[in-house]
Structure formats: structure tokens, C-alpha cells
Amino acid sequence: MAVITAKMVAELRGMTGCGVMDCKKALVETDGNYDEAIKVLREKGLAKADAKQSRIASEGLVDIMLSDDKKTAVMMEVNTETDFVAKNEKFQSYVKGLLRTVLSCRPVDVDALMACKYDGTDDTVEITLKEQTFIIGEKLSIRRFVVREGIMSTYIHGKGSMGVIVNFDTDVADKEGFAEYSKNIALQLAANPCEYVDRNAVPQTVIDSELEIIMAQIKNDPKNANKPEPIVQKMAMGKMGKYYEEHCLIEQSYVKDDSMSVAQYTEASAKEMGGSIKITGFECFTKGEGLEKKEDNFGEEIAKMLK
């Protein structure tokens, strides 16, 4: 029978994050075999991993991976409970594996991804996610991913706080200057996130709703009380122009030169490279966007400690 030393217990604890006595018992049970000991701890700890799923996970990171031929990109958001775990190299490596899994398995959604074999293993993503939750000690959540193909530019901001993928239809992708141009468009979206490429992409229901709000605002202003309806409508259309400038990418002011719009910058860049460029679509993920944030109640924590 192997002699279980304090160093062995410390190493297993570092690998799993489990308590000292739990690690010692697992090593004794498995005669000092680390792999078997981890398996024992997993089996005992999966119930704990499941229990962690009720916690709030709004930290984490957004990451992007390109296929070897650079023709496919996957962007994914994986959430954690704390920013500390999101900065952990093991967690980041796990996310890279998830990206490789999507590239090879091509699932249609997160539920389908859960059933895929995690990259380089015979275990499903669902199983590995539970294992990571157990080992790390926090709830982990694969929130969303997207797959884009074609001519693209990608950008990750702030070590995973935001990710951007932009698609182009162009005949100058191989020309000098296109890489810089396409990167600038990705940076534009990171600086000024929006919903649509151009005004033609805005749904009519959104336009009607916005016009209704603008019309009501104009009519509720006492200064406009006696203005005829055609004038009010003209004023409303003018304000809609401002809406398009804020919500449509190509109508935004270009961040590096606000004397021109993104459309004008694109046109000038295409002319300089001797071809044509059209922005055909984009995806933007902001970490934790729309998720419930954990709010610490220190009063409750102190009360629990006193009890």
C-alpha cells in the first residue's frame, strides 16, 4: 500500500480544489493513484456541481477561433461566477477546447453542443462542463455561440469582455490595405455596437414603432401645437435619420475620422484598393450582456457568520 504524504494531498487538492480530508481519503482509497482519485472525487462531487447550477454566473469571457483555412470563425461566450476564474489559464484552455469542438462538430445550438464529444476526449461537453464546475468550484455556463463563414475580420476586446465578427463581400481581400480596413470596421463595432448593417436591414415593425414614438414626442411639445401634420411628419423623418446614424453600422460616424461615415470610409478604401467592398453582416457578443448580476449583501453575510 502506498504511503500517502502531505505533498500528494496538496497536489491533488491543487488539481481538484477539494478539501484536504476528501483528497486524503480518495488517495487512500485508490492507493495513491491520482487519476483514480480524481475519478472518485468527481463521482462524489458531481452532485455538488449540479447544485452550483442555481448560482448566478455573469462573468466569464468571450473568445473567437478561426478554422485552419481562415474561412470559418466561431465566437462563444462562457460564463463564470467570478472574474478571477475567468482569468484562470485552465478555464481559458477549456473554452479553447469548446471552440475546437464547435468547429469540428458544427452543432446548431448549445443543446446540440452539449451532446458533442468534447475535443480530444470520449466525454460529452455536458459531462466535461460538470467536471469543470466541480474542479473549479463555480458554476460554469455555455451561454451562446455563433459560426460565421466567408471573408471576415475578428476582434476580441479587453481579454474577452467583447467579441466581434464582421463579414464582407469583396474582390480585394488579398490586396494590401484590406486587413487594416477590415480590422478598423471590427474596432468600429466594438466602440459603437449597433443592431443593423444599414437602414434596409431595419425591420418595418421597428421603424413603425420608432416613428410612433417620435411623432408623439413632437406633438407633445407645446412649441409644435399649431404645426400642420405634413410638417410634423417631415420633422419625424428627420429624427429617424438620427436613429439610423446610431443603429446602422454604415451610417455611423467613422471612429478614426468623424468627418466621414463608415459607408464613406468603405467606399474610399475600396477605391484605393481598386475594387469593391460591401459589409454583409456582423455579430457582437458582450460578456454578461443582459444577464442578472450578482449583488453582494454584506449585512446578510455577516449575519450568517455570527450564526
Protein backbone atom coordinates (compact mmCIF):
# COMPACT_ATOMS: atom_id res chain seq x y z
CA MET A 1 0.00 0.00 0.00
CA ALA A 2 1.33 3.42 -0.98
CA VAL A 3 2.28 5.91 1.70
CA ILE A 4 0.08 8.99 1.34
CA THR A 5 2.18 12.08 2.02
CA ALA A 6 1.15 15.65 2.71
CA LYS A 7 2.70 16.63 -0.63
CA MET A 8 0.47 14.16 -2.51
CA VAL A 9 -2.60 15.50 -0.76
CA ALA A 10 -1.58 19.08 -1.59
CA GLU A 11 -1.04 18.20 -5.27
CA LEU A 12 -4.44 16.51 -5.54
CA ARG A 13 -6.06 19.46 -3.82
CA GLY A 14 -4.41 21.80 -6.31
CA MET A 15 -5.71 19.69 -9.20
CA THR A 16 -9.29 19.46 -7.92
CA GLY A 17 -9.89 22.25 -5.42
CA CYS A 18 -11.34 19.72 -2.96
CA GLY A 19 -10.87 19.69 0.80
CA VAL A 20 -7.75 18.23 2.41
CA MET A 21 -9.52 15.30 4.09
CA ASP A 22 -11.52 14.47 0.93
CA CYS A 23 -8.27 14.35 -1.06
CA LYS A 24 -6.52 12.20 1.53
CA LYS A 25 -9.43 9.71 1.67
CA ALA A 26 -9.52 9.48 -2.15
CA LEU A 27 -5.77 8.81 -2.33
CA VAL A 28 -6.02 6.16 0.38
CA GLU A 29 -8.96 4.53 -1.42
CA THR A 30 -7.05 4.43 -4.73
CA ASP A 31 -3.63 3.54 -3.29
CA GLY A 32 -2.13 6.87 -4.34
CA ASN A 33 -3.32 6.82 -7.99
CA TYR A 34 -4.04 10.44 -8.92
CA ASP A 35 -6.26 9.68 -11.92
CA GLU A 36 -8.36 7.22 -9.97
CA ALA A 37 -8.50 9.59 -7.01
CA ILE A 38 -9.80 12.40 -9.26
CA LYS A 39 -12.39 9.98 -10.60
CA VAL A 40 -13.53 9.13 -7.07
CA LEU A 41 -13.79 12.82 -6.19
CA ARG A 42 -15.74 13.52 -9.37
CA GLU A 43 -18.19 10.79 -8.59
CA LYS A 44 -18.71 12.17 -5.12
CA GLY A 45 -18.69 15.76 -6.30
CA LEU A 46 -20.96 15.77 -9.35
CA ALA A 47 -23.97 16.31 -7.10
CA LYS A 48 -22.21 19.40 -5.78
CA ALA A 49 -21.57 20.54 -9.34
CA ASP A 50 -25.27 20.19 -10.12
CA ALA A 51 -26.15 22.20 -7.02
CA LYS A 52 -23.95 25.05 -8.24
CA GLN A 53 -26.15 25.49 -11.31
CA SER A 54 -28.58 27.66 -9.32
CA ARG A 55 -25.91 30.29 -8.75
CA ILE A 56 -25.54 33.46 -10.80
CA ALA A 57 -22.82 33.31 -13.48
CA SER A 58 -22.46 36.62 -15.30
CA GLU A 59 -18.68 36.93 -15.51
CA GLY A 60 -16.56 34.82 -17.87
CA LEU A 61 -15.23 35.61 -21.30
CA VAL A 62 -15.96 35.86 -25.00
CA ASP A 63 -13.48 34.10 -27.28
CA ILE A 64 -13.08 33.52 -31.04
CA MET A 65 -11.35 30.79 -33.01
CA LEU A 66 -10.70 30.54 -36.74
CA SER A 67 -10.51 27.32 -38.74
CA ASP A 68 -7.13 26.40 -40.24
CA ASP A 69 -8.15 27.76 -43.64
CA LYS A 70 -9.43 31.01 -42.03
CA LYS A 71 -12.80 30.58 -43.78
CA THR A 72 -14.83 29.76 -40.67
CA ALA A 73 -14.96 31.53 -37.32
CA VAL A 74 -16.63 30.54 -34.07
CA MET A 75 -17.39 33.07 -31.34
CA MET A 76 -18.56 31.87 -27.93
CA GLU A 77 -19.50 33.29 -24.54
CA VAL A 78 -18.88 31.09 -21.49
CA ASN A 79 -19.87 32.48 -18.11
CA THR A 80 -18.42 32.06 -14.64
CA GLU A 81 -19.41 33.41 -11.24
CA THR A 82 -16.26 35.47 -10.73
CA ASP A 83 -13.80 37.36 -12.89
CA PHE A 84 -10.98 35.61 -11.01
CA VAL A 85 -11.92 32.22 -12.51
CA ALA A 86 -12.37 33.79 -15.96
CA LYS A 87 -8.71 34.84 -15.85
CA ASN A 88 -7.57 31.32 -14.94
CA GLU A 89 -5.49 29.66 -17.69
CA LYS A 90 -7.18 26.29 -17.20
CA PHE A 91 -10.60 27.82 -17.70
CA GLN A 92 -9.41 29.68 -20.80
CA SER A 93 -7.93 26.44 -22.14
CA TYR A 94 -11.25 24.69 -21.57
CA VAL A 95 -13.01 27.39 -23.60
CA LYS A 96 -10.50 26.89 -26.43
CA GLY A 97 -11.45 23.22 -26.42
CA LEU A 98 -15.12 24.15 -26.67
CA LEU A 99 -14.35 26.32 -29.70
CA ARG A 100 -12.49 23.45 -31.36
CA THR A 101 -15.45 21.21 -30.59
CA VAL A 102 -17.85 23.57 -32.37
CA LEU A 103 -15.53 23.81 -35.39
CA SER A 104 -15.38 20.03 -35.73
CA CYS A 105 -18.90 19.05 -34.62
CA ARG A 106 -20.86 22.02 -36.06
CA PRO A 107 -23.79 21.84 -33.59
CA VAL A 108 -26.84 24.00 -34.36
CA ASP A 109 -27.24 25.32 -30.81
CA VAL A 110 -25.98 24.98 -27.23
CA ASP A 111 -28.23 21.97 -26.52
CA ALA A 112 -26.74 20.15 -29.52
CA LEU A 113 -23.23 21.16 -28.42
CA MET A 114 -23.82 19.50 -25.04
CA ALA A 115 -24.21 16.15 -26.80
CA CYS A 116 -21.00 16.53 -28.84
CA LYS A 117 -17.78 14.81 -27.77
CA TYR A 118 -15.52 17.42 -26.20
CA ASP A 119 -12.38 17.99 -28.27
CA GLY A 120 -9.85 15.18 -27.83
CA THR A 121 -11.98 13.13 -25.42
CA ASP A 122 -14.71 10.49 -25.39
CA ASP A 123 -16.81 12.52 -22.93
CA THR A 124 -19.65 14.79 -23.98
CA VAL A 125 -19.46 18.53 -23.46
CA GLU A 126 -22.19 18.17 -20.84
CA ILE A 127 -20.03 15.80 -18.79
CA THR A 128 -16.88 17.92 -19.11
CA LEU A 129 -18.83 21.03 -18.10
CA LYS A 130 -19.94 19.30 -14.90
CA GLU A 131 -16.39 18.15 -14.29
CA GLN A 132 -15.03 21.66 -14.72
CA THR A 133 -17.73 23.04 -12.43
CA PHE A 134 -16.69 20.51 -9.80
CA ILE A 135 -12.94 21.09 -10.19
CA ILE A 136 -13.12 24.90 -10.37
CA GLY A 137 -15.80 25.19 -7.68
CA GLU A 138 -18.00 27.66 -9.54
CA LYS A 139 -20.99 27.47 -11.81
CA LEU A 140 -19.94 27.50 -15.47
CA SER A 141 -22.42 28.18 -18.24
CA ILE A 142 -22.06 27.97 -22.01
CA ARG A 143 -24.36 30.83 -22.90
CA ARG A 144 -24.15 31.14 -26.68
CA PHE A 145 -22.03 30.71 -29.78
CA VAL A 146 -22.17 31.65 -33.43
CA VAL A 147 -20.48 30.27 -36.54
CA ARG A 148 -19.66 32.62 -39.44
CA GLU A 149 -18.12 31.74 -42.80
CA GLY A 150 -16.59 33.68 -45.68
CA ILE A 151 -14.36 36.75 -45.77
CA MET A 152 -14.18 38.03 -42.20
CA SER A 153 -12.47 40.20 -39.66
CA THR A 154 -12.49 39.31 -35.96
CA TYR A 155 -11.66 41.23 -32.81
CA ILE A 156 -11.54 40.43 -29.10
CA HIS A 157 -11.56 43.38 -26.71
CA GLY A 158 -10.33 43.57 -23.15
CA LYS A 159 -9.17 39.97 -22.73
CA GLY A 160 -12.60 38.60 -23.53
CA SER A 161 -15.01 41.34 -22.46
CA MET A 162 -16.34 41.67 -26.03
CA GLY A 163 -16.03 39.85 -29.35
CA VAL A 164 -16.79 40.97 -32.91
CA ILE A 165 -17.00 39.16 -36.25
CA VAL A 166 -17.66 41.14 -39.44
CA ASN A 167 -18.41 39.63 -42.87
CA PHE A 168 -17.55 41.20 -46.21
CA ASP A 169 -18.34 40.67 -49.88
CA THR A 170 -15.28 41.93 -51.73
CA ASP A 171 -12.84 41.33 -54.55
CA VAL A 172 -9.90 42.98 -52.75
CA ALA A 173 -9.47 40.64 -49.78
CA ASP A 174 -5.97 39.77 -50.99
CA LYS A 175 -4.95 43.39 -51.59
CA GLU A 176 -2.64 45.38 -49.35
CA GLY A 177 -4.77 47.54 -47.09
CA PHE A 178 -7.78 45.25 -46.74
CA ALA A 179 -6.57 43.67 -43.50
CA GLU A 180 -6.22 47.12 -41.92
CA TYR A 181 -9.58 48.27 -43.30
CA SER A 182 -11.45 45.18 -42.08
CA LYS A 183 -9.82 45.43 -38.64
CA ASN A 184 -10.93 49.05 -38.41
CA ILE A 185 -14.54 48.03 -39.11
CA ALA A 186 -14.35 45.45 -36.30
CA LEU A 187 -12.95 48.14 -34.00
CA GLN A 188 -15.79 50.43 -35.07
CA LEU A 189 -18.34 47.87 -33.88
CA ALA A 190 -16.50 47.34 -30.60
CA ALA A 191 -16.52 51.10 -29.99
CA ASN A 192 -20.11 51.65 -31.17
CA PRO A 193 -22.13 48.42 -31.05
CA CYS A 194 -25.28 48.53 -33.15
CA GLU A 195 -28.02 46.25 -34.43
CA TYR A 196 -28.06 46.62 -38.22
CA VAL A 197 -25.68 46.92 -41.19
CA ASP A 198 -27.80 49.55 -42.95
CA ARG A 199 -31.30 51.03 -42.88
CA ASN A 200 -32.58 48.37 -45.28
CA ALA A 201 -31.93 45.78 -42.58
CA VAL A 202 -34.13 47.55 -40.01
CA PRO A 203 -37.46 45.66 -39.70
CA GLN A 204 -40.54 47.65 -40.67
CA THR A 205 -42.08 46.96 -37.26
CA VAL A 206 -39.09 48.68 -35.61
CA ILE A 207 -39.38 51.66 -37.97
CA ASP A 208 -43.13 51.99 -37.34
CA SER A 209 -42.65 51.80 -33.58
CA GLU A 210 -39.86 54.37 -33.60
CA LEU A 211 -41.84 56.75 -35.81
CA GLU A 212 -44.84 56.44 -33.48
CA ILE A 213 -42.68 57.42 -30.50
CA ILE A 214 -41.07 60.32 -32.38
CA MET A 215 -44.43 61.63 -33.60
CA ALA A 216 -45.81 61.55 -30.05
CA GLN A 217 -42.76 63.41 -28.73
CA ILE A 218 -43.13 66.12 -31.37
CA LYS A 219 -46.86 66.57 -30.78
CA ASN A 220 -46.42 66.69 -27.00
CA ASP A 221 -44.04 69.63 -27.34
CA PRO A 222 -46.12 72.85 -26.89
CA LYS A 223 -43.93 74.59 -29.48
CA ASN A 224 -45.33 72.29 -32.15
CA ALA A 225 -49.02 72.59 -31.18
CA ASN A 226 -50.02 74.57 -34.26
CA LYS A 227 -47.77 72.89 -36.80
CA PRO A 228 -49.62 71.17 -39.68
CA GLU A 229 -49.40 67.36 -39.99
CA PRO A 230 -47.10 67.38 -43.08
CA ILE A 231 -44.55 69.48 -41.16
CA VAL A 232 -44.75 67.17 -38.15
CA GLN A 233 -44.18 64.15 -40.41
CA LYS A 234 -41.19 65.85 -42.02
CA MET A 235 -39.74 66.57 -38.59
CA ALA A 236 -40.27 62.93 -37.62
CA MET A 237 -38.43 61.67 -40.71
CA GLY A 238 -35.54 63.97 -39.84
CA LYS A 239 -35.32 62.43 -36.39
CA MET A 240 -35.46 58.96 -37.94
CA GLY A 241 -32.27 59.88 -39.78
CA LYS A 242 -30.62 60.31 -36.40
CA TYR A 243 -31.91 56.87 -35.37
CA TYR A 244 -30.29 55.30 -38.45
CA GLU A 245 -27.00 57.04 -37.70
CA GLU A 246 -26.92 55.46 -34.25
CA HIS A 247 -28.26 51.98 -35.03
CA CYS A 248 -26.93 51.23 -38.54
CA LEU A 249 -23.23 50.48 -38.93
CA ILE A 250 -22.54 52.09 -42.31
CA GLU A 251 -24.32 55.32 -41.30
CA GLN A 252 -22.29 55.80 -38.12
CA SER A 253 -19.52 58.37 -38.00
CA TYR A 254 -16.23 56.57 -38.56
CA VAL A 255 -14.46 56.44 -35.17
CA LYS A 256 -10.99 57.25 -36.55
CA ASP A 257 -12.20 60.17 -38.68
CA ASP A 258 -15.60 61.60 -37.78
CA SER A 259 -15.60 63.76 -40.89
CA MET A 260 -16.85 60.70 -42.80
CA SER A 261 -19.32 57.89 -42.26
CA VAL A 262 -18.42 54.19 -42.24
CA ALA A 263 -20.02 53.96 -45.70
CA GLN A 264 -17.77 56.74 -46.99
CA TYR A 265 -14.70 55.15 -45.40
CA THR A 266 -15.60 51.83 -47.03
CA GLU A 267 -16.09 53.46 -50.42
CA ALA A 268 -12.77 55.33 -50.18
CA SER A 269 -10.92 52.17 -49.10
CA ALA A 270 -12.41 50.12 -51.96
CA LYS A 271 -11.46 52.80 -54.48
CA GLU A 272 -7.91 52.95 -53.14
CA MET A 273 -7.58 49.16 -53.49
CA GLY A 274 -9.17 49.17 -56.95
CA GLY A 275 -12.23 47.06 -56.25
CA SER A 276 -15.48 46.83 -54.29
CA ILE A 277 -16.28 46.19 -50.63
CA LYS A 278 -19.66 45.54 -49.03
CA ILE A 279 -20.24 44.83 -45.34
CA THR A 280 -22.75 41.97 -45.37
CA GLY A 281 -23.21 41.19 -41.68
CA PHE A 282 -21.73 41.07 -38.22
CA GLU A 283 -22.03 39.55 -34.75
CA CYS A 284 -21.18 41.24 -31.46
CA PHE A 285 -21.06 39.47 -28.08
CA THR A 286 -20.59 41.49 -24.89
CA LYS A 287 -19.74 39.43 -21.82
CA GLY A 288 -22.66 39.23 -19.38
CA GLU A 289 -24.89 41.43 -21.53
CA GLY A 290 -28.48 41.14 -20.28
CA LEU A 291 -27.61 38.68 -17.52
CA GLU A 292 -28.53 39.11 -13.88
CA LYS A 293 -25.57 40.41 -11.90
CA LYS A 294 -24.61 39.03 -8.52
CA GLU A 295 -25.26 41.57 -5.77
CA ASP A 296 -23.38 41.02 -2.54
CA ASN A 297 -25.38 41.65 0.63
CA PHE A 298 -22.70 42.09 3.27
CA GLY A 299 -25.28 42.50 6.02
CA GLU A 300 -26.67 39.03 5.32
CA GLU A 301 -23.15 37.58 5.08
CA ILE A 302 -22.19 38.99 8.48
CA ALA A 303 -25.44 37.70 10.00
CA LYS A 304 -24.70 34.20 8.65
CA MET A 305 -21.18 34.37 10.08
CA LEU A 306 -22.48 35.39 13.51
CA LYS A 307 -24.92 32.46 13.49
